[in-house]
PDB file of N, CA and C in Angstrom:
ATOM      1  N   UNK A   1     -50.523 -30.788  30.183  1.00  0.00           N
ATOM      2  CA  UNK A   1     -50.196 -29.398  30.214  1.00  0.00           C
ATOM      3  C   UNK A   1     -50.184 -28.874  28.777  1.00  0.00           C
ATOM      4  N   UNK A   2     -50.804 -27.749  28.576  1.00  0.00           N
ATOM      5  CA  UNK A   2     -50.908 -27.193  27.231  1.00  0.00           C
ATOM      6  C   UNK A   2     -50.161 -25.863  27.175  1.00  0.00           C
ATOM      7  N   UNK A   3     -49.356 -25.703  26.139  1.00  0.00           N
ATOM      8  CA  UNK A   3     -48.617 -24.453  25.946  1.00  0.00           C
ATOM      9  C   UNK A   3     -49.417 -23.543  25.030  1.00  0.00           C
ATOM     10  N   UNK A   4     -49.548 -22.307  25.447  1.00  0.00           N
ATOM     11  CA  UNK A   4     -50.348 -21.369  24.681  1.00  0.00           C
ATOM     12  C   UNK A   4     -49.532 -20.576  23.668  1.00  0.00           C
ATOM     13  N   UNK A   5     -48.294 -20.342  23.924  1.00  0.00           N
ATOM     14  CA  UNK A   5     -47.462 -19.531  23.031  1.00  0.00           C
ATOM     15  C   UNK A   5     -46.305 -20.341  22.488  1.00  0.00           C
ATOM     16  N   UNK A   6     -45.738 -19.823  21.466  1.00  0.00           N
ATOM     17  CA  UNK A   6     -44.580 -20.460  20.863  1.00  0.00           C
ATOM     18  C   UNK A   6     -43.377 -19.554  21.107  1.00  0.00           C
ATOM     19  N   UNK A   7     -42.348 -20.124  21.656  1.00  0.00           N
ATOM     20  CA  UNK A   7     -41.135 -19.379  21.909  1.00  0.00           C
ATOM     21  C   UNK A   7     -40.142 -19.732  20.809  1.00  0.00           C
ATOM     22  N   UNK A   8     -39.677 -18.704  20.140  1.00  0.00           N
ATOM     23  CA  UNK A   8     -38.700 -18.961  19.088  1.00  0.00           C
ATOM     24  C   UNK A   8     -37.439 -18.163  19.394  1.00  0.00           C
ATOM     25  N   UNK A   9     -36.348 -18.769  19.098  1.00  0.00           N
ATOM     26  CA  UNK A   9     -35.071 -18.105  19.276  1.00  0.00           C
ATOM     27  C   UNK A   9     -34.386 -18.047  17.928  1.00  0.00           C
ATOM     28  N   UNK A  10     -33.785 -16.896  17.665  1.00  0.00           N
ATOM     29  CA  UNK A  10     -33.026 -16.787  16.426  1.00  0.00           C
ATOM     30  C   UNK A  10     -31.666 -17.456  16.631  1.00  0.00           C
ATOM     31  N   UNK A  11     -31.255 -18.139  15.614  1.00  0.00           N
ATOM     32  CA  UNK A  11     -29.952 -18.786  15.697  1.00  0.00           C
ATOM     33  C   UNK A  11     -28.864 -17.748  15.557  1.00  0.00           C
ATOM     34  N   UNK A  12     -27.821 -17.948  16.333  1.00  0.00           N
ATOM     35  CA  UNK A  12     -26.651 -17.087  16.195  1.00  0.00           C
ATOM     36  C   UNK A  12     -25.942 -17.415  14.900  1.00  0.00           C
ATOM     37  N   UNK A  13     -25.365 -16.393  14.311  1.00  0.00           N
ATOM     38  CA  UNK A  13     -24.581 -16.626  13.104  1.00  0.00           C
ATOM     39  C   UNK A  13     -23.338 -17.420  13.482  1.00  0.00           C
ATOM     40  N   UNK A  14     -23.179 -18.535  12.868  1.00  0.00           N
ATOM     41  CA  UNK A  14     -22.082 -19.430  13.194  1.00  0.00           C
ATOM     42  C   UNK A  14     -21.137 -19.507  12.006  1.00  0.00           C
ATOM     43  N   UNK A  15     -19.857 -19.333  12.267  1.00  0.00           N
ATOM     44  CA  UNK A  15     -18.871 -19.358  11.196  1.00  0.00           C
ATOM     45  C   UNK A  15     -18.576 -20.770  10.709  1.00  0.00           C
ATOM     46  N   UNK A  16     -18.961 -21.752  11.485  1.00  0.00           N
ATOM     47  CA  UNK A  16     -18.602 -23.117  11.115  1.00  0.00           C
ATOM     48  C   UNK A  16     -19.300 -23.562   9.841  1.00  0.00           C
ATOM     49  N   UNK A  17     -20.431 -22.977   9.532  1.00  0.00           N
ATOM     50  CA  UNK A  17     -21.156 -23.381   8.339  1.00  0.00           C
ATOM     51  C   UNK A  17     -20.627 -22.759   7.065  1.00  0.00           C
ATOM     52  N   UNK A  18     -19.834 -21.716   7.189  1.00  0.00           N
ATOM     53  CA  UNK A  18     -19.339 -21.043   5.988  1.00  0.00           C
ATOM     54  C   UNK A  18     -17.973 -21.600   5.597  1.00  0.00           C
ATOM     55  N   UNK A  19     -17.562 -21.232   4.405  1.00  0.00           N
ATOM     56  CA  UNK A  19     -16.272 -21.705   3.897  1.00  0.00           C
ATOM     57  C   UNK A  19     -15.128 -20.835   4.370  1.00  0.00           C
ATOM     58  N   UNK A  20     -15.412 -19.689   4.975  1.00  0.00           N
ATOM     59  CA  UNK A  20     -14.382 -18.744   5.378  1.00  0.00           C
ATOM     60  C   UNK A  20     -14.172 -18.800   6.880  1.00  0.00           C
ATOM     61  N   UNK A  21     -12.921 -18.654   7.275  1.00  0.00           N
ATOM     62  CA  UNK A  21     -12.593 -18.580   8.696  1.00  0.00           C
ATOM     63  C   UNK A  21     -12.401 -17.132   9.080  1.00  0.00           C
ATOM     64  N   UNK A  22     -12.560 -16.851  10.343  1.00  0.00           N
ATOM     65  CA  UNK A  22     -12.335 -15.493  10.831  1.00  0.00           C
ATOM     66  C   UNK A  22     -10.842 -15.183  10.785  1.00  0.00           C
ATOM     67  N   UNK A  23     -10.493 -13.966  10.384  1.00  0.00           N
ATOM     68  CA  UNK A  23      -9.072 -13.620  10.330  1.00  0.00           C
ATOM     69  C   UNK A  23      -8.480 -13.466  11.723  1.00  0.00           C
ATOM     70  N   UNK A  24      -7.212 -13.737  11.831  1.00  0.00           N
ATOM     71  CA  UNK A  24      -6.481 -13.582  13.075  1.00  0.00           C
ATOM     72  C   UNK A  24      -5.960 -12.137  13.120  1.00  0.00           C
ATOM     73  N   UNK A  25      -6.664 -11.276  13.850  1.00  0.00           N
ATOM     74  CA  UNK A  25      -6.366  -9.845  13.825  1.00  0.00           C
ATOM     75  C   UNK A  25      -4.940  -9.511  14.257  1.00  0.00           C
ATOM     76  N   UNK A  26      -4.430 -10.071  15.361  1.00  0.00           N
ATOM     77  CA  UNK A  26      -3.044  -9.724  15.724  1.00  0.00           C
ATOM     78  C   UNK A  26      -2.035 -10.109  14.646  1.00  0.00           C
ATOM     79  N   UNK A  27      -2.244 -11.229  13.989  1.00  0.00           N
ATOM     80  CA  UNK A  27      -1.319 -11.641  12.924  1.00  0.00           C
ATOM     81  C   UNK A  27      -1.377 -10.664  11.752  1.00  0.00           C
ATOM     82  N   UNK A  28      -2.575 -10.211  11.401  1.00  0.00           N
ATOM     83  CA  UNK A  28      -2.708  -9.240  10.326  1.00  0.00           C
ATOM     84  C   UNK A  28      -2.002  -7.940  10.687  1.00  0.00           C
ATOM     85  N   UNK A  29      -2.203  -7.455  11.912  1.00  0.00           N
ATOM     86  CA  UNK A  29      -1.634  -6.173  12.315  1.00  0.00           C
ATOM     87  C   UNK A  29      -0.110  -6.231  12.388  1.00  0.00           C
ATOM     88  N   UNK A  30       0.426  -7.304  12.938  1.00  0.00           N
ATOM     89  CA  UNK A  30       1.885  -7.436  13.043  1.00  0.00           C
ATOM     90  C   UNK A  30       2.509  -7.560  11.656  1.00  0.00           C
ATOM     91  N   UNK A  31       1.897  -8.346  10.789  1.00  0.00           N
ATOM     92  CA  UNK A  31       2.418  -8.501   9.434  1.00  0.00           C
ATOM     93  C   UNK A  31       2.363  -7.176   8.676  1.00  0.00           C
ATOM     94  N   UNK A  32       1.259  -6.452   8.807  1.00  0.00           N
ATOM     95  CA  UNK A  32       1.155  -5.150   8.152  1.00  0.00           C
ATOM     96  C   UNK A  32       2.200  -4.173   8.668  1.00  0.00           C
ATOM     97  N   UNK A  33       2.456  -4.194   9.969  1.00  0.00           N
ATOM     98  CA  UNK A  33       3.475  -3.318  10.541  1.00  0.00           C
ATOM     99  C   UNK A  33       4.865  -3.652  10.053  1.00  0.00           C
ATOM    100  N   UNK A  34       5.175  -4.943   9.974  1.00  0.00           N
ATOM    101  CA  UNK A  34       6.508  -5.351   9.502  1.00  0.00           C
ATOM    102  C   UNK A  34       6.709  -5.029   8.025  1.00  0.00           C
ATOM    103  N   UNK A  35       5.694  -5.267   7.218  1.00  0.00           N
ATOM    104  CA  UNK A  35       5.807  -4.943   5.796  1.00  0.00           C
ATOM    105  C   UNK A  35       5.955  -3.431   5.619  1.00  0.00           C
ATOM    106  N   UNK A  36       5.166  -2.660   6.359  1.00  0.00           N
ATOM    107  CA  UNK A  36       5.282  -1.211   6.289  1.00  0.00           C
ATOM    108  C   UNK A  36       6.648  -0.722   6.749  1.00  0.00           C
ATOM    109  N   UNK A  37       7.165  -1.330   7.792  1.00  0.00           N
ATOM    110  CA  UNK A  37       8.490  -0.958   8.282  1.00  0.00           C
ATOM    111  C   UNK A  37       9.561  -1.223   7.231  1.00  0.00           C
ATOM    112  N   UNK A  38       9.498  -2.370   6.584  1.00  0.00           N
ATOM    113  CA  UNK A  38      10.467  -2.695   5.534  1.00  0.00           C
ATOM    114  C   UNK A  38      10.362  -1.725   4.358  1.00  0.00           C
ATOM    115  N   UNK A  39       9.133  -1.364   3.982  1.00  0.00           N
ATOM    116  CA  UNK A  39       8.956  -0.399   2.891  1.00  0.00           C
ATOM    117  C   UNK A  39       9.523   0.950   3.294  1.00  0.00           C
ATOM    118  N   UNK A  40       9.265   1.385   4.522  1.00  0.00           N
ATOM    119  CA  UNK A  40       9.798   2.657   4.996  1.00  0.00           C
ATOM    120  C   UNK A  40      11.313   2.675   5.063  1.00  0.00           C
ATOM    121  N   UNK A  41      11.887   1.578   5.532  1.00  0.00           N
ATOM    122  CA  UNK A  41      13.352   1.492   5.562  1.00  0.00           C
ATOM    123  C   UNK A  41      13.939   1.527   4.157  1.00  0.00           C
ATOM    124  N   UNK A  42      13.279   0.867   3.223  1.00  0.00           N
ATOM    125  CA  UNK A  42      13.736   0.890   1.833  1.00  0.00           C
ATOM    126  C   UNK A  42      13.701   2.311   1.282  1.00  0.00           C
ATOM    127  N   UNK A  43      12.594   3.016   1.509  1.00  0.00           N
ATOM    128  CA  UNK A  43      12.503   4.401   1.035  1.00  0.00           C
ATOM    129  C   UNK A  43      13.522   5.302   1.723  1.00  0.00           C
ATOM    130  N   UNK A  44      13.774   5.048   2.992  1.00  0.00           N
ATOM    131  CA  UNK A  44      14.749   5.871   3.703  1.00  0.00           C
ATOM    132  C   UNK A  44      16.169   5.666   3.227  1.00  0.00           C
ATOM    133  N   UNK A  45      16.506   4.438   2.887  1.00  0.00           N
ATOM    134  CA  UNK A  45      17.870   4.133   2.446  1.00  0.00           C
ATOM    135  C   UNK A  45      18.082   4.543   0.991  1.00  0.00           C
ATOM    136  N   UNK A  46      17.142   4.227   0.126  1.00  0.00           N
ATOM    137  CA  UNK A  46      17.329   4.448  -1.306  1.00  0.00           C
ATOM    138  C   UNK A  46      16.634   5.698  -1.823  1.00  0.00           C
ATOM    139  N   UNK A  47      15.978   6.444  -0.968  1.00  0.00           N
ATOM    140  CA  UNK A  47      15.301   7.666  -1.390  1.00  0.00           C
ATOM    141  C   UNK A  47      16.279   8.816  -1.579  1.00  0.00           C
ATOM    142  N   UNK A  48      15.740   9.962  -1.997  1.00  0.00           N
ATOM    143  CA  UNK A  48      16.621  11.120  -2.212  1.00  0.00           C
ATOM    144  C   UNK A  48      17.182  11.641  -0.888  1.00  0.00           C
ATOM    145  N   UNK A  49      18.390  12.143  -0.925  1.00  0.00           N
ATOM    146  CA  UNK A  49      19.033  12.689   0.269  1.00  0.00           C
ATOM    147  C   UNK A  49      18.595  14.140   0.472  1.00  0.00           C
ATOM    148  N   UNK A  50      18.425  14.508   1.724  1.00  0.00           N
ATOM    149  CA  UNK A  50      18.066  15.873   2.077  1.00  0.00           C
ATOM    150  C   UNK A  50      19.103  16.373   3.080  1.00  0.00           C
ATOM    151  N   UNK A  51      19.670  17.533   2.800  1.00  0.00           N
ATOM    152  CA  UNK A  51      20.734  18.054   3.662  1.00  0.00           C
ATOM    153  C   UNK A  51      20.213  18.493   5.028  1.00  0.00           C
ATOM    154  N   UNK A  52      18.908  18.721   5.143  1.00  0.00           N
ATOM    155  CA  UNK A  52      18.352  19.191   6.419  1.00  0.00           C
ATOM    156  C   UNK A  52      18.259  18.078   7.463  1.00  0.00           C
ATOM    157  N   UNK A  53      18.198  16.836   7.015  1.00  0.00           N
ATOM    158  CA  UNK A  53      17.993  15.721   7.935  1.00  0.00           C
ATOM    159  C   UNK A  53      19.153  14.742   7.860  1.00  0.00           C
ATOM    160  N   UNK A  54      19.476  14.178   8.994  1.00  0.00           N
ATOM    161  CA  UNK A  54      20.470  13.111   9.054  1.00  0.00           C
ATOM    162  C   UNK A  54      19.860  11.856   8.426  1.00  0.00           C
ATOM    163  N   UNK A  55      20.667  11.001   7.843  1.00  0.00           N
ATOM    164  CA  UNK A  55      20.164   9.795   7.181  1.00  0.00           C
ATOM    165  C   UNK A  55      19.431   8.880   8.161  1.00  0.00           C
ATOM    166  N   UNK A  56      19.955   8.737   9.376  1.00  0.00           N
ATOM    167  CA  UNK A  56      19.302   7.850  10.339  1.00  0.00           C
ATOM    168  C   UNK A  56      17.955   8.410  10.785  1.00  0.00           C
ATOM    169  N   UNK A  57      17.835   9.736  10.867  1.00  0.00           N
ATOM    170  CA  UNK A  57      16.553  10.342  11.235  1.00  0.00           C
ATOM    171  C   UNK A  57      15.514  10.102  10.150  1.00  0.00           C
ATOM    172  N   UNK A  58      15.927  10.231   8.899  1.00  0.00           N
ATOM    173  CA  UNK A  58      14.998   9.998   7.787  1.00  0.00           C
ATOM    174  C   UNK A  58      14.574   8.535   7.736  1.00  0.00           C
ATOM    175  N   UNK A  59      15.510   7.634   7.940  1.00  0.00           N
ATOM    176  CA  UNK A  59      15.185   6.206   7.928  1.00  0.00           C
ATOM    177  C   UNK A  59      14.221   5.871   9.061  1.00  0.00           C
ATOM    178  N   UNK A  60      14.490   6.390  10.247  1.00  0.00           N
ATOM    179  CA  UNK A  60      13.613   6.123  11.389  1.00  0.00           C
ATOM    180  C   UNK A  60      12.229   6.701  11.202  1.00  0.00           C
ATOM    181  N   UNK A  61      12.140   7.933  10.700  1.00  0.00           N
ATOM    182  CA  UNK A  61      10.844   8.567  10.499  1.00  0.00           C
ATOM    183  C   UNK A  61      10.029   7.828   9.448  1.00  0.00           C
ATOM    184  N   UNK A  62      10.647   7.539   8.307  1.00  0.00           N
ATOM    185  CA  UNK A  62       9.915   6.835   7.252  1.00  0.00           C
ATOM    186  C   UNK A  62       9.540   5.408   7.673  1.00  0.00           C
ATOM    187  N   UNK A  63      10.422   4.758   8.414  1.00  0.00           N
ATOM    188  CA  UNK A  63      10.093   3.415   8.894  1.00  0.00           C
ATOM    189  C   UNK A  63       8.910   3.421   9.836  1.00  0.00           C
ATOM    190  N   UNK A  64       8.885   4.372  10.757  1.00  0.00           N
ATOM    191  CA  UNK A  64       7.782   4.464  11.705  1.00  0.00           C
ATOM    192  C   UNK A  64       6.483   4.861  11.022  1.00  0.00           C
ATOM    193  N   UNK A  65       6.546   5.816  10.112  1.00  0.00           N
ATOM    194  CA  UNK A  65       5.349   6.270   9.400  1.00  0.00           C
ATOM    195  C   UNK A  65       4.767   5.155   8.538  1.00  0.00           C
ATOM    196  N   UNK A  66       5.607   4.484   7.794  1.00  0.00           N
ATOM    197  CA  UNK A  66       5.122   3.400   6.937  1.00  0.00           C
ATOM    198  C   UNK A  66       4.648   2.196   7.757  1.00  0.00           C
ATOM    199  N   UNK A  67       5.256   1.944   8.907  1.00  0.00           N
ATOM    200  CA  UNK A  67       4.778   0.857   9.773  1.00  0.00           C
ATOM    201  C   UNK A  67       3.372   1.167  10.275  1.00  0.00           C
ATOM    202  N   UNK A  68       3.123   2.413  10.660  1.00  0.00           N
ATOM    203  CA  UNK A  68       1.784   2.796  11.125  1.00  0.00           C
ATOM    204  C   UNK A  68       0.769   2.669   9.995  1.00  0.00           C
ATOM    205  N   UNK A  69       1.145   3.092   8.804  1.00  0.00           N
ATOM    206  CA  UNK A  69       0.242   2.954   7.659  1.00  0.00           C
ATOM    207  C   UNK A  69       0.005   1.488   7.310  1.00  0.00           C
ATOM    208  N   UNK A  70       1.022   0.655   7.466  1.00  0.00           N
ATOM    209  CA  UNK A  70       0.861  -0.778   7.216  1.00  0.00           C
ATOM    210  C   UNK A  70      -0.082  -1.430   8.207  1.00  0.00           C
ATOM    211  N   UNK A  71       0.002  -1.027   9.474  1.00  0.00           N
ATOM    212  CA  UNK A  71      -0.914  -1.559  10.489  1.00  0.00           C
ATOM    213  C   UNK A  71      -2.341  -1.124  10.172  1.00  0.00           C
ATOM    214  N   UNK A  72      -2.514   0.126   9.774  1.00  0.00           N
ATOM    215  CA  UNK A  72      -3.840   0.627   9.425  1.00  0.00           C
ATOM    216  C   UNK A  72      -4.417  -0.119   8.231  1.00  0.00           C
ATOM    217  N   UNK A  73      -3.626  -0.288   7.186  1.00  0.00           N
ATOM    218  CA  UNK A  73      -4.096  -0.998   5.995  1.00  0.00           C
ATOM    219  C   UNK A  73      -4.425  -2.459   6.309  1.00  0.00           C
ATOM    220  N   UNK A  74      -3.585  -3.113   7.096  1.00  0.00           N
ATOM    221  CA  UNK A  74      -3.842  -4.513   7.454  1.00  0.00           C
ATOM    222  C   UNK A  74      -5.090  -4.635   8.328  1.00  0.00           C
ATOM    223  N   UNK A  75      -5.307  -3.673   9.199  1.00  0.00           N
ATOM    224  CA  UNK A  75      -6.521  -3.693  10.022  1.00  0.00           C
ATOM    225  C   UNK A  75      -7.774  -3.550   9.179  1.00  0.00           C
ATOM    226  N   UNK A  76      -7.721  -2.686   8.181  1.00  0.00           N
ATOM    227  CA  UNK A  76      -8.875  -2.519   7.295  1.00  0.00           C
ATOM    228  C   UNK A  76      -9.137  -3.800   6.514  1.00  0.00           C
ATOM    229  N   UNK A  77      -8.090  -4.420   6.013  1.00  0.00           N
ATOM    230  CA  UNK A  77      -8.248  -5.686   5.279  1.00  0.00           C
ATOM    231  C   UNK A  77      -8.818  -6.766   6.191  1.00  0.00           C
ATOM    232  N   UNK A  78      -8.342  -6.845   7.427  1.00  0.00           N
ATOM    233  CA  UNK A  78      -8.839  -7.862   8.360  1.00  0.00           C
ATOM    234  C   UNK A  78     -10.312  -7.641   8.683  1.00  0.00           C
ATOM    235  N   UNK A  79     -10.715  -6.391   8.869  1.00  0.00           N
ATOM    236  CA  UNK A  79     -12.127  -6.110   9.153  1.00  0.00           C
ATOM    237  C   UNK A  79     -13.003  -6.473   7.951  1.00  0.00           C
ATOM    238  N   UNK A  80     -12.535  -6.152   6.745  1.00  0.00           N
ATOM    239  CA  UNK A  80     -13.307  -6.494   5.564  1.00  0.00           C
ATOM    240  C   UNK A  80     -13.423  -8.005   5.389  1.00  0.00           C
ATOM    241  N   UNK A  81     -12.349  -8.727   5.652  1.00  0.00           N
ATOM    242  CA  UNK A  81     -12.411 -10.194   5.581  1.00  0.00           C
ATOM    243  C   UNK A  81     -13.296 -10.769   6.680  1.00  0.00           C
ATOM    244  N   UNK A  82     -13.316 -10.142   7.838  1.00  0.00           N
ATOM    245  CA  UNK A  82     -14.156 -10.616   8.933  1.00  0.00           C
ATOM    246  C   UNK A  82     -15.629 -10.431   8.594  1.00  0.00           C
ATOM    247  N   UNK A  83     -15.947  -9.341   7.955  1.00  0.00           N
ATOM    248  CA  UNK A  83     -17.349  -9.119   7.573  1.00  0.00           C
ATOM    249  C   UNK A  83     -17.780 -10.069   6.464  1.00  0.00           C
ATOM    250  N   UNK A  84     -16.836 -10.494   5.644  1.00  0.00           N
ATOM    251  CA  UNK A  84     -17.161 -11.434   4.567  1.00  0.00           C
ATOM    252  C   UNK A  84     -17.457 -12.823   5.109  1.00  0.00           C
ATOM    253  N   UNK A  85     -16.793 -13.200   6.177  1.00  0.00           N
ATOM    254  CA  UNK A  85     -16.974 -14.564   6.699  1.00  0.00           C
ATOM    255  C   UNK A  85     -18.248 -14.689   7.507  1.00  0.00           C
TER     256      UNK A  85
END
């Protein structure tokens, strides 16, 4: 039997050959959220006082805002590391 054509398949990109491992996205996001939350709580406790807002409201708002920003920043870092690997 004679084959007339050549079938070629492209190899899938395999991470095992590289020195970098894929980042664990949930771990990055949770860590970024916790770090952001701690930064927000720090700013809420030690930041300037405002008579318009209760201290607990300011702490909660800054903690939530900084946690969201921390998750966003950690997600961007994880995606960039994933593209590098």
